[in-house]
């Protein structure tokens, strides 16, 4: 009976050690890849944001109505923040909008640019995204 207890105690200790190693390695692997995946996701989301805004005519609507992008901002992931800047052909900022829940700019970003025509003029729309 004493021998069975020692084997089972040895097995329990081994399980704890293996679980500890697995948890520690998964924690450090997740932390090391977090920035790369977040940046790629935000880059793709920024590109999709401008594509949808352009195809639905929201970029043109935004030039006359600053609230035109609110429905599109609500479709973004809850943690994602976005700022849209629209520049005229001379590079002067014509309009700007930030998602209402987002105040601070963070370093992990994704950005995308797209041109569009409004009132016979060419404009450049630039969206920058980051996490809260």
C-alpha atoms as a PDB file:
ATOM      1  CA  UNK A   1       0.000   0.000   0.000  1.00  0.00           C
ATOM      2  CA  UNK A   2       2.848   2.394   0.708  1.00  0.00           C
ATOM      3  CA  UNK A   3       4.289   1.794  -2.747  1.00  0.00           C
ATOM      4  CA  UNK A   4       0.997   2.667  -4.502  1.00  0.00           C
ATOM      5  CA  UNK A   5       0.796   5.924  -2.547  1.00  0.00           C
ATOM      6  CA  UNK A   6       4.307   6.926  -3.636  1.00  0.00           C
ATOM      7  CA  UNK A   7       3.551   6.196  -7.306  1.00  0.00           C
ATOM      8  CA  UNK A   8       0.325   8.181  -7.230  1.00  0.00           C
ATOM      9  CA  UNK A   9       2.006  11.105  -5.420  1.00  0.00           C
ATOM     10  CA  UNK A  10       4.761  11.000  -8.051  1.00  0.00           C
ATOM     11  CA  UNK A  11       2.155  11.045 -10.821  1.00  0.00           C
ATOM     12  CA  UNK A  12       0.320  14.002  -9.238  1.00  0.00           C
ATOM     13  CA  UNK A  13       3.541  15.993  -8.895  1.00  0.00           C
ATOM     14  CA  UNK A  14       4.431  15.241 -12.517  1.00  0.00           C
ATOM     15  CA  UNK A  15       1.043  16.481 -13.688  1.00  0.00           C
ATOM     16  CA  UNK A  16       1.533  19.756 -11.769  1.00  0.00           C
ATOM     17  CA  UNK A  17       4.993  20.264 -13.238  1.00  0.00           C
ATOM     18  CA  UNK A  18       3.784  19.573 -16.799  1.00  0.00           C
ATOM     19  CA  UNK A  19       0.811  21.915 -16.381  1.00  0.00           C
ATOM     20  CA  UNK A  20       3.099  24.625 -15.027  1.00  0.00           C
ATOM     21  CA  UNK A  21       5.434  24.322 -18.006  1.00  0.00           C
ATOM     22  CA  UNK A  22       2.534  24.384 -20.492  1.00  0.00           C
ATOM     23  CA  UNK A  23       0.910  27.420 -18.870  1.00  0.00           C
ATOM     24  CA  UNK A  24       4.185  29.335 -18.655  1.00  0.00           C
ATOM     25  CA  UNK A  25       5.113  28.617 -22.278  1.00  0.00           C
ATOM     26  CA  UNK A  26       1.655  29.523 -23.600  1.00  0.00           C
ATOM     27  CA  UNK A  27       1.725  32.785 -21.640  1.00  0.00           C
ATOM     28  CA  UNK A  28       5.094  33.825 -23.059  1.00  0.00           C
ATOM     29  CA  UNK A  29       4.239  32.704 -26.602  1.00  0.00           C
ATOM     30  CA  UNK A  30       1.010  34.718 -26.538  1.00  0.00           C
ATOM     31  CA  UNK A  31       2.826  37.799 -25.266  1.00  0.00           C
ATOM     32  CA  UNK A  32       5.540  37.587 -27.908  1.00  0.00           C
ATOM     33  CA  UNK A  33       3.113  37.348 -30.850  1.00  0.00           C
ATOM     34  CA  UNK A  34       0.475  39.787 -29.583  1.00  0.00           C
ATOM     35  CA  UNK A  35       1.740  42.916 -31.329  1.00  0.00           C
ATOM     36  CA  UNK A  36       2.262  41.312 -34.738  1.00  0.00           C
ATOM     37  CA  UNK A  37      -1.196  39.771 -34.882  1.00  0.00           C
ATOM     38  CA  UNK A  38      -2.877  42.887 -33.498  1.00  0.00           C
ATOM     39  CA  UNK A  39      -1.200  45.100 -36.089  1.00  0.00           C
ATOM     40  CA  UNK A  40      -2.158  42.772 -38.935  1.00  0.00           C
ATOM     41  CA  UNK A  41      -5.761  42.603 -37.730  1.00  0.00           C
ATOM     42  CA  UNK A  42      -6.003  46.385 -37.406  1.00  0.00           C
ATOM     43  CA  UNK A  43      -4.444  46.868 -40.831  1.00  0.00           C
ATOM     44  CA  UNK A  44      -7.022  44.562 -42.419  1.00  0.00           C
ATOM     45  CA  UNK A  45      -9.852  46.173 -40.454  1.00  0.00           C
ATOM     46  CA  UNK A  46      -8.743  49.661 -41.524  1.00  0.00           C
ATOM     47  CA  UNK A  47      -8.700  48.605 -45.159  1.00  0.00           C
ATOM     48  CA  UNK A  48     -12.150  47.000 -44.837  1.00  0.00           C
ATOM     49  CA  UNK A  49     -13.478  50.099 -43.050  1.00  0.00           C
ATOM     50  CA  UNK A  50     -12.542  52.365 -45.973  1.00  0.00           C
ATOM     51  CA  UNK A  51     -13.762  49.888 -48.589  1.00  0.00           C
ATOM     52  CA  UNK A  52     -17.205  49.634 -46.970  1.00  0.00           C
ATOM     53  CA  UNK A  53     -17.392  53.399 -46.410  1.00  0.00           C
ATOM     54  CA  UNK A  54     -16.557  54.061 -50.049  1.00  0.00           C
ATOM     55  CA  UNK A  55     -18.841  51.398 -51.547  1.00  0.00           C
ATOM     56  CA  UNK A  56     -21.812  52.513 -49.432  1.00  0.00           C
ATOM     57  CA  UNK A  57     -21.232  56.196 -50.243  1.00  0.00           C
ATOM     58  CA  UNK A  58     -20.463  57.082 -46.635  1.00  0.00           C
ATOM     59  CA  UNK A  59     -17.265  58.957 -47.509  1.00  0.00           C
ATOM     60  CA  UNK A  60     -19.210  61.375 -49.722  1.00  0.00           C
ATOM     61  CA  UNK A  61     -21.951  61.657 -47.103  1.00  0.00           C
ATOM     62  CA  UNK A  62     -19.332  62.352 -44.440  1.00  0.00           C
ATOM     63  CA  UNK A  63     -18.215  65.479 -46.302  1.00  0.00           C
ATOM     64  CA  UNK A  64     -21.618  67.091 -45.662  1.00  0.00           C
ATOM     65  CA  UNK A  65     -22.754  65.204 -42.541  1.00  0.00           C
ATOM     66  CA  UNK A  66     -20.191  64.532 -39.770  1.00  0.00           C
ATOM     67  CA  UNK A  67     -22.445  61.835 -38.236  1.00  0.00           C
ATOM     68  CA  UNK A  68     -22.581  59.736 -41.429  1.00  0.00           C
ATOM     69  CA  UNK A  69     -19.897  57.330 -40.177  1.00  0.00           C
ATOM     70  CA  UNK A  70     -21.509  56.512 -36.812  1.00  0.00           C
ATOM     71  CA  UNK A  71     -23.197  53.304 -38.072  1.00  0.00           C
ATOM     72  CA  UNK A  72     -19.885  52.125 -39.474  1.00  0.00           C
ATOM     73  CA  UNK A  73     -18.036  52.921 -36.226  1.00  0.00           C
ATOM     74  CA  UNK A  74     -20.567  50.768 -34.347  1.00  0.00           C
ATOM     75  CA  UNK A  75     -19.681  47.782 -36.546  1.00  0.00           C
ATOM     76  CA  UNK A  76     -16.045  47.847 -35.412  1.00  0.00           C
ATOM     77  CA  UNK A  77     -14.863  45.526 -32.627  1.00  0.00           C
ATOM     78  CA  UNK A  78     -15.501  47.032 -29.190  1.00  0.00           C
ATOM     79  CA  UNK A  79     -11.783  47.377 -28.404  1.00  0.00           C
ATOM     80  CA  UNK A  80     -10.917  48.991 -31.740  1.00  0.00           C
ATOM     81  CA  UNK A  81     -10.652  52.750 -32.071  1.00  0.00           C
ATOM     82  CA  UNK A  82     -10.574  54.631 -35.349  1.00  0.00           C
ATOM     83  CA  UNK A  83      -9.815  58.120 -36.599  1.00  0.00           C
ATOM     84  CA  UNK A  84     -10.757  59.144 -40.146  1.00  0.00           C
ATOM     85  CA  UNK A  85      -9.033  62.125 -41.748  1.00  0.00           C
ATOM     86  CA  UNK A  86     -10.030  63.445 -45.167  1.00  0.00           C
ATOM     87  CA  UNK A  87      -7.537  65.591 -47.087  1.00  0.00           C
ATOM     88  CA  UNK A  88      -8.183  67.661 -50.191  1.00  0.00           C
ATOM     89  CA  UNK A  89      -5.971  67.566 -53.311  1.00  0.00           C
ATOM     90  CA  UNK A  90      -3.552  70.090 -51.759  1.00  0.00           C
ATOM     91  CA  UNK A  91      -3.060  67.888 -48.685  1.00  0.00           C
ATOM     92  CA  UNK A  92      -5.030  70.154 -46.361  1.00  0.00           C
ATOM     93  CA  UNK A  93      -7.204  68.465 -43.740  1.00  0.00           C
ATOM     94  CA  UNK A  94     -10.810  68.912 -44.871  1.00  0.00           C
ATOM     95  CA  UNK A  95     -12.649  66.743 -42.302  1.00  0.00           C
ATOM     96  CA  UNK A  96     -11.804  64.586 -39.329  1.00  0.00           C
ATOM     97  CA  UNK A  97     -13.736  62.134 -37.186  1.00  0.00           C
ATOM     98  CA  UNK A  98     -12.877  59.904 -34.219  1.00  0.00           C
ATOM     99  CA  UNK A  99     -14.924  57.068 -32.777  1.00  0.00           C
ATOM    100  CA  UNK A 100     -16.749  58.618 -29.823  1.00  0.00           C
ATOM    101  CA  UNK A 101     -15.552  56.133 -27.158  1.00  0.00           C
ATOM    102  CA  UNK A 102     -11.893  56.658 -28.037  1.00  0.00           C
ATOM    103  CA  UNK A 103      -9.893  59.514 -26.624  1.00  0.00           C
ATOM    104  CA  UNK A 104      -6.265  58.374 -26.478  1.00  0.00           C
ATOM    105  CA  UNK A 105      -4.057  57.239 -29.315  1.00  0.00           C
ATOM    106  CA  UNK A 106      -2.134  53.997 -28.693  1.00  0.00           C
ATOM    107  CA  UNK A 107       1.020  52.694 -30.391  1.00  0.00           C
ATOM    108  CA  UNK A 108      -0.386  49.481 -31.951  1.00  0.00           C
ATOM    109  CA  UNK A 109      -1.972  50.761 -35.132  1.00  0.00           C
ATOM    110  CA  UNK A 110      -3.202  49.855 -38.549  1.00  0.00           C
ATOM    111  CA  UNK A 111      -3.781  52.415 -41.274  1.00  0.00           C
ATOM    112  CA  UNK A 112      -5.261  52.564 -44.737  1.00  0.00           C
ATOM    113  CA  UNK A 113      -5.761  55.239 -47.387  1.00  0.00           C
ATOM    114  CA  UNK A 114      -8.201  55.572 -50.245  1.00  0.00           C
ATOM    115  CA  UNK A 115      -9.073  58.293 -52.743  1.00  0.00           C
ATOM    116  CA  UNK A 116     -12.613  59.290 -53.621  1.00  0.00           C
ATOM    117  CA  UNK A 117     -14.405  61.994 -55.585  1.00  0.00           C
ATOM    118  CA  UNK A 118     -16.815  64.468 -54.013  1.00  0.00           C
ATOM    119  CA  UNK A 119     -18.236  67.513 -55.844  1.00  0.00           C
ATOM    120  CA  UNK A 120     -15.807  67.116 -58.759  1.00  0.00           C
ATOM    121  CA  UNK A 121     -12.800  67.195 -56.417  1.00  0.00           C
ATOM    122  CA  UNK A 122     -10.440  64.394 -55.429  1.00  0.00           C
ATOM    123  CA  UNK A 123     -10.015  63.675 -51.734  1.00  0.00           C
ATOM    124  CA  UNK A 124      -7.822  61.273 -49.794  1.00  0.00           C
ATOM    125  CA  UNK A 125      -9.421  59.391 -46.894  1.00  0.00           C
ATOM    126  CA  UNK A 126      -7.050  58.012 -44.266  1.00  0.00           C
ATOM    127  CA  UNK A 127      -8.167  55.829 -41.385  1.00  0.00           C
ATOM    128  CA  UNK A 128      -5.874  55.006 -38.457  1.00  0.00           C
ATOM    129  CA  UNK A 129      -6.905  52.315 -35.967  1.00  0.00           C
ATOM    130  CA  UNK A 130      -5.647  51.332 -32.526  1.00  0.00           C
ATOM    131  CA  UNK A 131      -6.816  49.441 -29.444  1.00  0.00           C
ATOM    132  CA  UNK A 132      -8.269  51.125 -26.366  1.00  0.00           C
END
